[in-house]
Amino acid sequence: PHLLKISDCFREAQKEHPEDIEWIENIMKRTDQHLLEVDCYDVRRAKVLLERIKRLINRRYSNK
């Protein structure tokens, strides 16, 4: 479920900030790389990753 939430988080960011697609795609690529390095079924790590992504996106757009 956390992997789907990560995907939803990125889709929402793309929809809300299409002008910043390059930055969003860069984060998506880094996330994909991270998931290759860890067991994607590790719920705890997936949850931590989701929270990090949310914070990163919120930080990026909180001042815009």
N, C-alpha and C. Protein backbone atom coordinates (compact mmCIF):
# COMPACT_ATOMS: atom_id res chain seq x y z
N PRO A 1 0.81 -1.22 0.00
CA PRO A 1 0.00 0.00 0.00
C PRO A 1 0.84 1.27 0.00
N HIS A 2 2.01 1.27 0.66
CA HIS A 2 2.82 2.49 0.70
C HIS A 2 3.41 2.80 -0.67
N LEU A 3 3.70 1.77 -1.45
CA LEU A 3 4.23 2.03 -2.79
C LEU A 3 3.17 2.69 -3.66
N LEU A 4 1.93 2.30 -3.49
CA LEU A 4 0.86 2.96 -4.23
C LEU A 4 0.68 4.40 -3.77
N LYS A 5 0.85 4.64 -2.49
CA LYS A 5 0.75 6.00 -1.97
C LYS A 5 1.89 6.87 -2.50
N ILE A 6 3.07 6.29 -2.65
CA ILE A 6 4.20 7.02 -3.23
C ILE A 6 3.85 7.42 -4.67
N SER A 7 3.33 6.47 -5.41
CA SER A 7 2.92 6.74 -6.79
C SER A 7 1.86 7.83 -6.84
N ASP A 8 0.88 7.76 -5.96
CA ASP A 8 -0.18 8.78 -5.90
C ASP A 8 0.40 10.15 -5.58
N CYS A 9 1.35 10.18 -4.69
CA CYS A 9 1.99 11.43 -4.28
C CYS A 9 2.65 12.10 -5.49
N PHE A 10 3.35 11.31 -6.29
CA PHE A 10 4.00 11.85 -7.48
C PHE A 10 2.97 12.30 -8.52
N ARG A 11 1.93 11.51 -8.72
CA ARG A 11 0.90 11.89 -9.69
C ARG A 11 0.24 13.21 -9.29
N GLU A 12 -0.03 13.36 -8.01
CA GLU A 12 -0.64 14.59 -7.52
C GLU A 12 0.29 15.79 -7.74
N ALA A 13 1.57 15.60 -7.46
CA ALA A 13 2.54 16.69 -7.66
C ALA A 13 2.64 17.06 -9.14
N GLN A 14 2.61 16.06 -10.01
CA GLN A 14 2.66 16.34 -11.45
C GLN A 14 1.44 17.12 -11.90
N LYS A 15 0.28 16.75 -11.37
CA LYS A 15 -0.96 17.41 -11.75
C LYS A 15 -1.00 18.85 -11.23
N GLU A 16 -0.54 19.05 -10.00
CA GLU A 16 -0.61 20.38 -9.39
C GLU A 16 0.51 21.31 -9.84
N HIS A 17 1.63 20.75 -10.28
CA HIS A 17 2.81 21.56 -10.63
C HIS A 17 3.42 21.10 -11.95
N PRO A 18 2.66 21.13 -13.04
CA PRO A 18 3.20 20.66 -14.32
C PRO A 18 4.40 21.49 -14.81
N GLU A 19 4.50 22.72 -14.33
CA GLU A 19 5.63 23.56 -14.72
C GLU A 19 6.95 23.08 -14.13
N ASP A 20 6.88 22.21 -13.14
CA ASP A 20 8.08 21.75 -12.43
C ASP A 20 8.33 20.25 -12.68
N ILE A 21 7.91 19.78 -13.84
CA ILE A 21 7.96 18.35 -14.13
C ILE A 21 9.39 17.79 -14.09
N GLU A 22 10.36 18.57 -14.48
CA GLU A 22 11.75 18.08 -14.48
C GLU A 22 12.20 17.73 -13.06
N TRP A 23 11.90 18.60 -12.10
CA TRP A 23 12.29 18.34 -10.70
C TRP A 23 11.56 17.12 -10.18
N ILE A 24 10.26 17.02 -10.46
CA ILE A 24 9.45 15.90 -9.98
C ILE A 24 9.98 14.58 -10.56
N GLU A 25 10.28 14.58 -11.85
CA GLU A 25 10.80 13.36 -12.48
C GLU A 25 12.16 12.97 -11.91
N ASN A 26 12.97 13.95 -11.57
CA ASN A 26 14.27 13.65 -10.94
C ASN A 26 14.07 12.94 -9.60
N ILE A 27 13.13 13.42 -8.81
CA ILE A 27 12.83 12.78 -7.53
C ILE A 27 12.28 11.37 -7.75
N MET A 28 11.45 11.22 -8.78
CA MET A 28 10.90 9.90 -9.09
C MET A 28 12.02 8.91 -9.44
N LYS A 29 12.98 9.36 -10.23
CA LYS A 29 14.10 8.49 -10.61
C LYS A 29 14.93 8.10 -9.38
N ARG A 30 15.17 9.07 -8.50
CA ARG A 30 15.91 8.77 -7.27
C ARG A 30 15.14 7.78 -6.41
N THR A 31 13.83 7.92 -6.36
CA THR A 31 12.99 7.00 -5.59
C THR A 31 13.05 5.60 -6.18
N ASP A 32 12.96 5.51 -7.51
CA ASP A 32 13.06 4.20 -8.18
C ASP A 32 14.39 3.54 -7.84
N GLN A 33 15.45 4.31 -7.87
CA GLN A 33 16.79 3.77 -7.57
C GLN A 33 16.83 3.26 -6.13
N HIS A 34 16.25 4.03 -5.23
CA HIS A 34 16.23 3.63 -3.82
C HIS A 34 15.46 2.33 -3.64
N LEU A 35 14.33 2.21 -4.32
CA LEU A 35 13.51 1.01 -4.21
C LEU A 35 14.22 -0.22 -4.76
N LEU A 36 15.08 -0.02 -5.74
CA LEU A 36 15.86 -1.15 -6.26
C LEU A 36 16.88 -1.64 -5.24
N GLU A 37 17.34 -0.73 -4.39
CA GLU A 37 18.37 -1.07 -3.41
C GLU A 37 17.80 -1.73 -2.15
N VAL A 38 16.55 -1.47 -1.85
CA VAL A 38 15.94 -2.05 -0.66
C VAL A 38 14.82 -2.99 -1.09
N ASP A 39 14.39 -3.80 -0.20
CA ASP A 39 13.28 -4.70 -0.46
C ASP A 39 12.00 -3.86 -0.52
N CYS A 40 11.38 -3.80 -1.68
CA CYS A 40 10.20 -2.93 -1.84
C CYS A 40 9.02 -3.43 -1.02
N TYR A 41 9.13 -4.62 -0.46
CA TYR A 41 8.05 -5.13 0.38
C TYR A 41 8.31 -4.87 1.87
N ASP A 42 9.39 -4.17 2.16
CA ASP A 42 9.70 -3.79 3.53
C ASP A 42 8.80 -2.60 3.88
N VAL A 43 7.73 -2.88 4.58
CA VAL A 43 6.69 -1.88 4.86
C VAL A 43 7.26 -0.69 5.62
N ARG A 44 8.10 -0.95 6.59
CA ARG A 44 8.65 0.15 7.40
C ARG A 44 9.47 1.10 6.52
N ARG A 45 10.34 0.56 5.68
CA ARG A 45 11.16 1.42 4.82
C ARG A 45 10.31 2.14 3.78
N ALA A 46 9.31 1.47 3.25
CA ALA A 46 8.44 2.11 2.27
C ALA A 46 7.68 3.27 2.92
N LYS A 47 7.25 3.08 4.15
CA LYS A 47 6.53 4.14 4.87
C LYS A 47 7.46 5.33 5.13
N VAL A 48 8.68 5.06 5.54
CA VAL A 48 9.66 6.12 5.78
C VAL A 48 9.93 6.87 4.47
N LEU A 49 10.08 6.14 3.38
CA LEU A 49 10.33 6.76 2.08
C LEU A 49 9.15 7.65 1.69
N LEU A 50 7.94 7.18 1.89
CA LEU A 50 6.76 7.98 1.58
C LEU A 50 6.77 9.28 2.37
N GLU A 51 7.06 9.21 3.65
CA GLU A 51 7.09 10.42 4.48
C GLU A 51 8.18 11.39 4.01
N ARG A 52 9.33 10.87 3.62
CA ARG A 52 10.41 11.72 3.11
C ARG A 52 10.00 12.43 1.83
N ILE A 53 9.34 11.70 0.95
CA ILE A 53 8.89 12.29 -0.32
C ILE A 53 7.86 13.37 -0.05
N LYS A 54 6.92 13.10 0.82
CA LYS A 54 5.91 14.11 1.16
C LYS A 54 6.55 15.37 1.72
N ARG A 55 7.51 15.21 2.62
CA ARG A 55 8.20 16.37 3.21
C ARG A 55 8.95 17.15 2.13
N LEU A 56 9.63 16.43 1.25
CA LEU A 56 10.39 17.06 0.19
C LEU A 56 9.48 17.87 -0.73
N ILE A 57 8.38 17.28 -1.14
CA ILE A 57 7.43 17.97 -2.01
C ILE A 57 6.79 19.15 -1.28
N ASN A 58 6.40 18.96 -0.05
CA ASN A 58 5.80 20.06 0.73
C ASN A 58 6.78 21.21 0.89
N ARG A 59 8.04 20.89 1.17
CA ARG A 59 9.06 21.92 1.32
C ARG A 59 9.23 22.70 0.02
N ARG A 60 9.21 21.98 -1.08
CA ARG A 60 9.41 22.59 -2.40
C ARG A 60 8.30 23.59 -2.72
N TYR A 61 7.07 23.26 -2.36
CA TYR A 61 5.94 24.08 -2.78
C TYR A 61 5.31 24.91 -1.68
N SER A 62 5.82 24.84 -0.49
CA SER A 62 5.23 25.62 0.60
C SER A 62 5.45 27.12 0.41
N ASN A 63 6.48 27.49 -0.32
CA ASN A 63 6.77 28.92 -0.53
C ASN A 63 6.25 29.43 -1.85
N LYS A 64 5.61 28.58 -2.64
CA LYS A 64 5.13 29.02 -3.96
C LYS A 64 3.67 29.37 -3.90
